[in-house]
């Protein structure tokens, strides 16, 4: 597992356990898209999720965090 994946799993657990509001951005300033997966190598979001983040409702952001956790653990 990559260091970024480990960090994302830790942060996802914190976000989901704490019920933090506002939901923090998953960005860790490692902004490189993986051509094969279509996901950012740092935050494990796809381009649509990255672009929409600022306009998402809090519950939608939590869903993205759940997807990030699944992606990071795969």
C-alpha atoms as a PDB file:
ATOM      1  CA  UNK A   1       0.000   0.000   0.000  1.00  0.00           C
ATOM      2  CA  UNK A   2       1.338   3.430  -0.909  1.00  0.00           C
ATOM      3  CA  UNK A   3       1.887   6.134   1.707  1.00  0.00           C
ATOM      4  CA  UNK A   4      -0.879   8.198   0.058  1.00  0.00           C
ATOM      5  CA  UNK A   5      -3.286   5.252   0.303  1.00  0.00           C
ATOM      6  CA  UNK A   6      -2.461   4.771   3.989  1.00  0.00           C
ATOM      7  CA  UNK A   7      -3.017   8.476   4.661  1.00  0.00           C
ATOM      8  CA  UNK A   8      -6.343   8.486   2.800  1.00  0.00           C
ATOM      9  CA  UNK A   9      -7.575   5.473   4.767  1.00  0.00           C
ATOM     10  CA  UNK A  10      -6.667   7.176   8.056  1.00  0.00           C
ATOM     11  CA  UNK A  11      -8.315  10.448   7.043  1.00  0.00           C
ATOM     12  CA  UNK A  12     -11.443   8.690   5.724  1.00  0.00           C
ATOM     13  CA  UNK A  13     -11.845   6.881   9.042  1.00  0.00           C
ATOM     14  CA  UNK A  14     -11.507  10.189  10.916  1.00  0.00           C
ATOM     15  CA  UNK A  15     -14.040  11.954   8.686  1.00  0.00           C
ATOM     16  CA  UNK A  16     -16.585   9.164   8.976  1.00  0.00           C
ATOM     17  CA  UNK A  17     -16.088   8.629  12.717  1.00  0.00           C
ATOM     18  CA  UNK A  18     -16.095  12.266  13.756  1.00  0.00           C
ATOM     19  CA  UNK A  19     -18.947  13.413  11.572  1.00  0.00           C
ATOM     20  CA  UNK A  20     -16.874  16.515  10.870  1.00  0.00           C
ATOM     21  CA  UNK A  21     -18.666  19.520   9.437  1.00  0.00           C
ATOM     22  CA  UNK A  22     -17.662  20.981   7.167  1.00  0.00           C
ATOM     23  CA  UNK A  23     -16.297  17.838   5.537  1.00  0.00           C
ATOM     24  CA  UNK A  24     -12.601  18.450   4.781  1.00  0.00           C
ATOM     25  CA  UNK A  25     -11.189  18.209   1.304  1.00  0.00           C
ATOM     26  CA  UNK A  26      -9.250  15.012   0.601  1.00  0.00           C
ATOM     27  CA  UNK A  27      -6.572  16.934  -1.324  1.00  0.00           C
ATOM     28  CA  UNK A  28      -3.042  16.320  -0.032  1.00  0.00           C
ATOM     29  CA  UNK A  29      -1.312  18.367  -2.759  1.00  0.00           C
ATOM     30  CA  UNK A  30      -0.132  15.350  -4.731  1.00  0.00           C
ATOM     31  CA  UNK A  31      -2.058  16.278  -7.844  1.00  0.00           C
ATOM     32  CA  UNK A  32      -1.229  13.730 -10.526  1.00  0.00           C
ATOM     33  CA  UNK A  33      -3.835  11.814 -12.452  1.00  0.00           C
ATOM     34  CA  UNK A  34      -3.145   8.140 -13.083  1.00  0.00           C
ATOM     35  CA  UNK A  35      -3.926   7.455 -16.739  1.00  0.00           C
ATOM     36  CA  UNK A  36      -4.863   3.823 -16.115  1.00  0.00           C
ATOM     37  CA  UNK A  37      -7.301   4.364 -13.239  1.00  0.00           C
ATOM     38  CA  UNK A  38      -8.421   7.928 -13.949  1.00  0.00           C
ATOM     39  CA  UNK A  39      -7.846   8.752 -10.262  1.00  0.00           C
ATOM     40  CA  UNK A  40      -5.615  11.312  -8.597  1.00  0.00           C
ATOM     41  CA  UNK A  41      -2.554   9.586  -7.129  1.00  0.00           C
ATOM     42  CA  UNK A  42      -2.838  11.713  -3.994  1.00  0.00           C
ATOM     43  CA  UNK A  43      -6.516  11.846  -3.060  1.00  0.00           C
ATOM     44  CA  UNK A  44      -7.980   8.966  -5.099  1.00  0.00           C
ATOM     45  CA  UNK A  45     -10.742  11.133  -6.598  1.00  0.00           C
ATOM     46  CA  UNK A  46     -11.672  11.234 -10.260  1.00  0.00           C
ATOM     47  CA  UNK A  47     -11.824  14.500 -12.200  1.00  0.00           C
ATOM     48  CA  UNK A  48     -15.600  14.837 -11.811  1.00  0.00           C
ATOM     49  CA  UNK A  49     -15.331  14.491  -8.030  1.00  0.00           C
ATOM     50  CA  UNK A  50     -12.495  17.013  -7.870  1.00  0.00           C
ATOM     51  CA  UNK A  51     -14.332  19.554 -10.028  1.00  0.00           C
ATOM     52  CA  UNK A  52     -17.632  19.212  -8.152  1.00  0.00           C
ATOM     53  CA  UNK A  53     -16.212  19.185  -4.604  1.00  0.00           C
ATOM     54  CA  UNK A  54     -16.847  22.850  -3.826  1.00  0.00           C
ATOM     55  CA  UNK A  55     -20.502  22.602  -4.831  1.00  0.00           C
ATOM     56  CA  UNK A  56     -21.295  19.278  -3.149  1.00  0.00           C
ATOM     57  CA  UNK A  57     -23.587  18.888  -0.156  1.00  0.00           C
ATOM     58  CA  UNK A  58     -21.923  17.601   3.015  1.00  0.00           C
ATOM     59  CA  UNK A  59     -23.526  14.148   2.647  1.00  0.00           C
ATOM     60  CA  UNK A  60     -22.228  13.887  -0.930  1.00  0.00           C
ATOM     61  CA  UNK A  61     -18.728  14.743   0.285  1.00  0.00           C
ATOM     62  CA  UNK A  62     -19.009  11.949   2.864  1.00  0.00           C
ATOM     63  CA  UNK A  63     -19.956   9.540   0.078  1.00  0.00           C
ATOM     64  CA  UNK A  64     -16.852  10.603  -1.842  1.00  0.00           C
ATOM     65  CA  UNK A  65     -14.764   9.914   1.269  1.00  0.00           C
ATOM     66  CA  UNK A  66     -16.313   6.430   1.450  1.00  0.00           C
ATOM     67  CA  UNK A  67     -15.382   5.800  -2.186  1.00  0.00           C
ATOM     68  CA  UNK A  68     -11.866   7.080  -1.492  1.00  0.00           C
ATOM     69  CA  UNK A  69     -11.501   4.571   1.342  1.00  0.00           C
ATOM     70  CA  UNK A  70     -12.601   1.704  -0.912  1.00  0.00           C
ATOM     71  CA  UNK A  71     -10.263   2.832  -3.685  1.00  0.00           C
ATOM     72  CA  UNK A  72      -7.300   3.300  -1.358  1.00  0.00           C
ATOM     73  CA  UNK A  73      -7.737  -0.137   0.172  1.00  0.00           C
ATOM     74  CA  UNK A  74      -8.034  -1.909  -3.200  1.00  0.00           C
END
